[in-house]
Amino acid sequence: MSYAILDAFKTTVARRLELDAATLYGRSLKLAEVVVRSPVATNSIDLMEAVAGAMAELEIDDKLELPALTLDHTIDDLVAEVQGQLARAA
């Protein structure tokens, strides 16, 4: 699994949510908190659209499934799920 792809995914999701990647990841922010902090996401659909859009932009959407997580999960849980899927797809 390429860590460059995972880093690009994280950066792209942060950009699509209009949030700083340095403050988004590694802080155990719940997905509900991410929605509240994002100036462009008003609900979980907007959040998942940012994730799906990042996957499509990086052309990894054909290798991965959109993670099915609740708003009680963290953004780090989401990244871990994507990382696991990337590892299995390699």
N, C-alpha and C. Protein backbone atom coordinates (compact mmCIF):
# COMPACT_ATOMS: atom_id res chain seq x y z
N MET A 1 0.84 -1.17 0.00
CA MET A 1 0.00 0.00 0.00
C MET A 1 0.88 1.24 0.00
N SER A 2 0.54 2.18 -0.83
CA SER A 2 1.31 3.41 -0.95
C SER A 2 0.84 4.44 0.07
N TYR A 3 1.79 4.87 0.89
CA TYR A 3 1.44 5.92 1.85
C TYR A 3 1.25 7.25 1.15
N ALA A 4 1.83 7.41 -0.04
CA ALA A 4 1.62 8.63 -0.82
C ALA A 4 0.15 8.77 -1.21
N ILE A 5 -0.48 7.66 -1.56
CA ILE A 5 -1.91 7.69 -1.92
C ILE A 5 -2.74 8.04 -0.69
N LEU A 6 -2.40 7.44 0.45
CA LEU A 6 -3.15 7.73 1.67
C LEU A 6 -2.98 9.20 2.07
N ASP A 7 -1.77 9.72 1.98
CA ASP A 7 -1.54 11.13 2.29
C ASP A 7 -2.31 12.04 1.33
N ALA A 8 -2.30 11.68 0.05
CA ALA A 8 -3.05 12.46 -0.94
C ALA A 8 -4.55 12.42 -0.64
N PHE A 9 -5.04 11.25 -0.23
CA PHE A 9 -6.44 11.12 0.14
C PHE A 9 -6.77 12.06 1.31
N LYS A 10 -5.96 12.02 2.35
CA LYS A 10 -6.20 12.86 3.53
C LYS A 10 -6.18 14.34 3.15
N THR A 11 -5.22 14.74 2.35
CA THR A 11 -5.11 16.14 1.93
C THR A 11 -6.31 16.55 1.10
N THR A 12 -6.74 15.68 0.20
CA THR A 12 -7.87 15.99 -0.67
C THR A 12 -9.17 16.09 0.12
N VAL A 13 -9.38 15.19 1.07
CA VAL A 13 -10.58 15.27 1.91
C VAL A 13 -10.56 16.59 2.69
N ALA A 14 -9.44 16.92 3.28
CA ALA A 14 -9.33 18.17 4.05
C ALA A 14 -9.63 19.38 3.16
N ARG A 15 -9.08 19.39 1.96
CA ARG A 15 -9.32 20.50 1.04
C ARG A 15 -10.80 20.60 0.68
N ARG A 16 -11.41 19.46 0.40
CA ARG A 16 -12.83 19.46 0.03
C ARG A 16 -13.72 19.90 1.19
N LEU A 17 -13.29 19.66 2.41
CA LEU A 17 -14.03 20.10 3.59
C LEU A 17 -13.63 21.51 4.02
N GLU A 18 -12.64 22.08 3.32
CA GLU A 18 -12.10 23.40 3.64
C GLU A 18 -11.59 23.47 5.07
N LEU A 19 -10.85 22.42 5.46
CA LEU A 19 -10.24 22.35 6.79
C LEU A 19 -8.75 22.11 6.64
N ASP A 20 -8.00 22.53 7.63
CA ASP A 20 -6.56 22.32 7.65
C ASP A 20 -6.27 20.87 8.03
N ALA A 21 -5.54 20.17 7.19
CA ALA A 21 -5.24 18.75 7.43
C ALA A 21 -4.52 18.54 8.76
N ALA A 22 -3.67 19.48 9.13
CA ALA A 22 -2.90 19.33 10.37
C ALA A 22 -3.80 19.33 11.60
N THR A 23 -4.92 20.01 11.54
CA THR A 23 -5.83 20.04 12.69
C THR A 23 -6.95 19.01 12.56
N LEU A 24 -7.08 18.40 11.38
CA LEU A 24 -8.15 17.44 11.15
C LEU A 24 -7.80 16.04 11.61
N TYR A 25 -6.58 15.60 11.34
CA TYR A 25 -6.19 14.21 11.59
C TYR A 25 -5.34 14.07 12.85
N GLY A 26 -5.42 12.90 13.47
CA GLY A 26 -4.61 12.60 14.63
C GLY A 26 -5.10 13.22 15.92
N ARG A 27 -6.31 13.72 15.92
CA ARG A 27 -6.86 14.38 17.11
C ARG A 27 -8.13 13.69 17.61
N SER A 28 -8.45 12.57 17.02
CA SER A 28 -9.63 11.79 17.41
C SER A 28 -10.93 12.60 17.31
N LEU A 29 -11.01 13.46 16.29
CA LEU A 29 -12.24 14.22 16.08
C LEU A 29 -13.34 13.30 15.58
N LYS A 30 -14.47 13.35 16.24
CA LYS A 30 -15.61 12.58 15.76
C LYS A 30 -16.08 13.18 14.44
N LEU A 31 -16.66 12.34 13.60
CA LEU A 31 -17.14 12.83 12.31
C LEU A 31 -18.19 13.93 12.50
N ALA A 32 -18.96 13.85 13.56
CA ALA A 32 -19.93 14.91 13.86
C ALA A 32 -19.21 16.24 14.10
N GLU A 33 -18.06 16.19 14.77
CA GLU A 33 -17.28 17.41 15.01
C GLU A 33 -16.68 17.95 13.72
N VAL A 34 -16.30 17.05 12.82
CA VAL A 34 -15.76 17.48 11.53
C VAL A 34 -16.83 18.25 10.76
N VAL A 35 -18.06 17.73 10.77
CA VAL A 35 -19.16 18.41 10.08
C VAL A 35 -19.37 19.80 10.68
N VAL A 36 -19.34 19.91 11.99
CA VAL A 36 -19.54 21.20 12.65
C VAL A 36 -18.42 22.18 12.30
N ARG A 37 -17.19 21.71 12.23
CA ARG A 37 -16.05 22.59 11.96
C ARG A 37 -15.92 22.99 10.49
N SER A 38 -16.42 22.18 9.60
CA SER A 38 -16.29 22.45 8.18
C SER A 38 -17.23 23.57 7.75
N PRO A 39 -16.71 24.56 7.02
CA PRO A 39 -17.59 25.62 6.52
C PRO A 39 -18.47 25.19 5.35
N VAL A 40 -18.21 24.01 4.78
CA VAL A 40 -18.98 23.57 3.61
C VAL A 40 -19.83 22.33 3.86
N ALA A 41 -19.57 21.61 4.92
CA ALA A 41 -20.34 20.40 5.24
C ALA A 41 -21.41 20.75 6.27
N THR A 42 -22.65 20.48 5.90
CA THR A 42 -23.73 20.77 6.85
C THR A 42 -24.34 19.50 7.44
N ASN A 43 -23.97 18.34 6.86
CA ASN A 43 -24.51 17.09 7.37
C ASN A 43 -23.61 15.93 6.94
N SER A 44 -24.00 14.73 7.32
CA SER A 44 -23.17 13.56 7.02
C SER A 44 -23.09 13.28 5.52
N ILE A 45 -24.10 13.67 4.77
CA ILE A 45 -24.07 13.48 3.32
C ILE A 45 -22.96 14.33 2.71
N ASP A 46 -22.84 15.58 3.15
CA ASP A 46 -21.77 16.44 2.65
C ASP A 46 -20.40 15.85 2.99
N LEU A 47 -20.28 15.30 4.17
CA LEU A 47 -19.02 14.67 4.59
C LEU A 47 -18.68 13.49 3.68
N MET A 48 -19.64 12.63 3.45
CA MET A 48 -19.39 11.46 2.60
C MET A 48 -19.17 11.86 1.14
N GLU A 49 -19.79 12.95 0.70
CA GLU A 49 -19.53 13.45 -0.65
C GLU A 49 -18.09 13.93 -0.78
N ALA A 50 -17.55 14.52 0.28
CA ALA A 50 -16.15 14.94 0.26
C ALA A 50 -15.23 13.73 0.17
N VAL A 51 -15.57 12.68 0.90
CA VAL A 51 -14.77 11.45 0.88
C VAL A 51 -14.87 10.78 -0.49
N ALA A 52 -16.09 10.64 -0.99
CA ALA A 52 -16.29 10.02 -2.30
C ALA A 52 -15.63 10.84 -3.41
N GLY A 53 -15.72 12.14 -3.30
CA GLY A 53 -15.09 13.02 -4.28
C GLY A 53 -13.58 12.90 -4.27
N ALA A 54 -13.02 12.77 -3.09
CA ALA A 54 -11.56 12.59 -2.98
C ALA A 54 -11.15 11.26 -3.60
N MET A 55 -11.93 10.23 -3.36
CA MET A 55 -11.63 8.91 -3.94
C MET A 55 -11.68 8.98 -5.46
N ALA A 56 -12.68 9.65 -6.00
CA ALA A 56 -12.81 9.77 -7.45
C ALA A 56 -11.69 10.62 -8.03
N GLU A 57 -11.38 11.73 -7.37
CA GLU A 57 -10.32 12.62 -7.85
C GLU A 57 -8.98 11.90 -7.92
N LEU A 58 -8.72 11.03 -6.95
CA LEU A 58 -7.46 10.29 -6.91
C LEU A 58 -7.52 8.99 -7.72
N GLU A 59 -8.68 8.74 -8.33
CA GLU A 59 -8.90 7.55 -9.16
C GLU A 59 -8.67 6.25 -8.39
N ILE A 60 -9.13 6.25 -7.13
CA ILE A 60 -9.08 5.03 -6.32
C ILE A 60 -10.48 4.54 -5.99
N ASP A 61 -11.48 5.22 -6.52
CA ASP A 61 -12.87 4.85 -6.22
C ASP A 61 -13.26 3.49 -6.78
N ASP A 62 -12.56 3.01 -7.79
CA ASP A 62 -12.88 1.69 -8.33
C ASP A 62 -12.26 0.57 -7.49
N LYS A 63 -11.34 0.92 -6.60
CA LYS A 63 -10.66 -0.06 -5.75
C LYS A 63 -11.25 -0.13 -4.34
N LEU A 64 -11.98 0.92 -3.96
CA LEU A 64 -12.44 1.06 -2.58
C LEU A 64 -13.95 1.20 -2.51
N GLU A 65 -14.49 0.83 -1.36
CA GLU A 65 -15.89 1.09 -1.06
C GLU A 65 -15.94 2.27 -0.09
N LEU A 66 -16.97 3.06 -0.23
CA LEU A 66 -17.15 4.18 0.67
C LEU A 66 -17.38 3.62 2.08
N PRO A 67 -16.56 4.03 3.05
CA PRO A 67 -16.73 3.50 4.41
C PRO A 67 -18.11 3.83 4.98
N ALA A 68 -18.69 2.87 5.65
CA ALA A 68 -19.99 3.05 6.30
C ALA A 68 -19.74 3.24 7.79
N LEU A 69 -19.69 4.50 8.20
CA LEU A 69 -19.40 4.84 9.59
C LEU A 69 -20.47 5.79 10.11
N THR A 70 -20.66 5.77 11.41
CA THR A 70 -21.59 6.72 12.02
C THR A 70 -20.85 8.00 12.37
N LEU A 71 -21.60 9.02 12.71
CA LEU A 71 -20.98 10.29 13.10
C LEU A 71 -20.26 10.20 14.45
N ASP A 72 -20.46 9.09 15.16
CA ASP A 72 -19.74 8.87 16.42
C ASP A 72 -18.33 8.33 16.19
N HIS A 73 -18.06 7.83 14.98
CA HIS A 73 -16.71 7.39 14.64
C HIS A 73 -15.83 8.61 14.44
N THR A 74 -14.53 8.41 14.47
CA THR A 74 -13.61 9.53 14.29
C THR A 74 -13.12 9.60 12.84
N ILE A 75 -12.59 10.73 12.48
CA ILE A 75 -11.98 10.89 11.16
C ILE A 75 -10.80 9.93 11.03
N ASP A 76 -10.14 9.64 12.13
CA ASP A 76 -9.02 8.68 12.11
C ASP A 76 -9.53 7.26 11.85
N ASP A 77 -10.74 6.93 12.34
CA ASP A 77 -11.36 5.64 12.01
C ASP A 77 -11.59 5.54 10.51
N LEU A 78 -12.07 6.64 9.92
CA LEU A 78 -12.32 6.67 8.50
C LEU A 78 -11.02 6.44 7.72
N VAL A 79 -9.97 7.14 8.11
CA VAL A 79 -8.67 6.99 7.45
C VAL A 79 -8.15 5.57 7.61
N ALA A 80 -8.32 4.99 8.78
CA ALA A 80 -7.87 3.61 9.01
C ALA A 80 -8.63 2.64 8.12
N GLU A 81 -9.91 2.86 7.93
CA GLU A 81 -10.71 2.01 7.05
C GLU A 81 -10.21 2.11 5.61
N VAL A 82 -9.96 3.32 5.15
CA VAL A 82 -9.45 3.53 3.79
C VAL A 82 -8.07 2.90 3.65
N GLN A 83 -7.24 3.08 4.66
CA GLN A 83 -5.89 2.47 4.64
C GLN A 83 -5.99 0.95 4.53
N GLY A 84 -6.88 0.35 5.30
CA GLY A 84 -7.06 -1.10 5.25
C GLY A 84 -7.54 -1.56 3.89
N GLN A 85 -8.47 -0.82 3.31
CA GLN A 85 -8.97 -1.18 1.98
C GLN A 85 -7.87 -1.06 0.94
N LEU A 86 -7.06 -0.01 1.04
CA LEU A 86 -5.94 0.16 0.10
C LEU A 86 -4.95 -0.98 0.23
N ALA A 87 -4.69 -1.41 1.46
CA ALA A 87 -3.74 -2.51 1.67
C ALA A 87 -4.28 -3.81 1.07
N ARG A 88 -5.58 -4.05 1.24
CA ARG A 88 -6.17 -5.27 0.69
C ARG A 88 -6.24 -5.23 -0.83
N ALA A 89 -6.34 -4.02 -1.40
CA ALA A 89 -6.43 -3.88 -2.85
C ALA A 89 -5.07 -4.00 -3.54
N ALA A 90 -4.02 -3.85 -2.76
CA ALA A 90 -2.66 -3.87 -3.36
C ALA A 90 -2.24 -5.24 -3.81
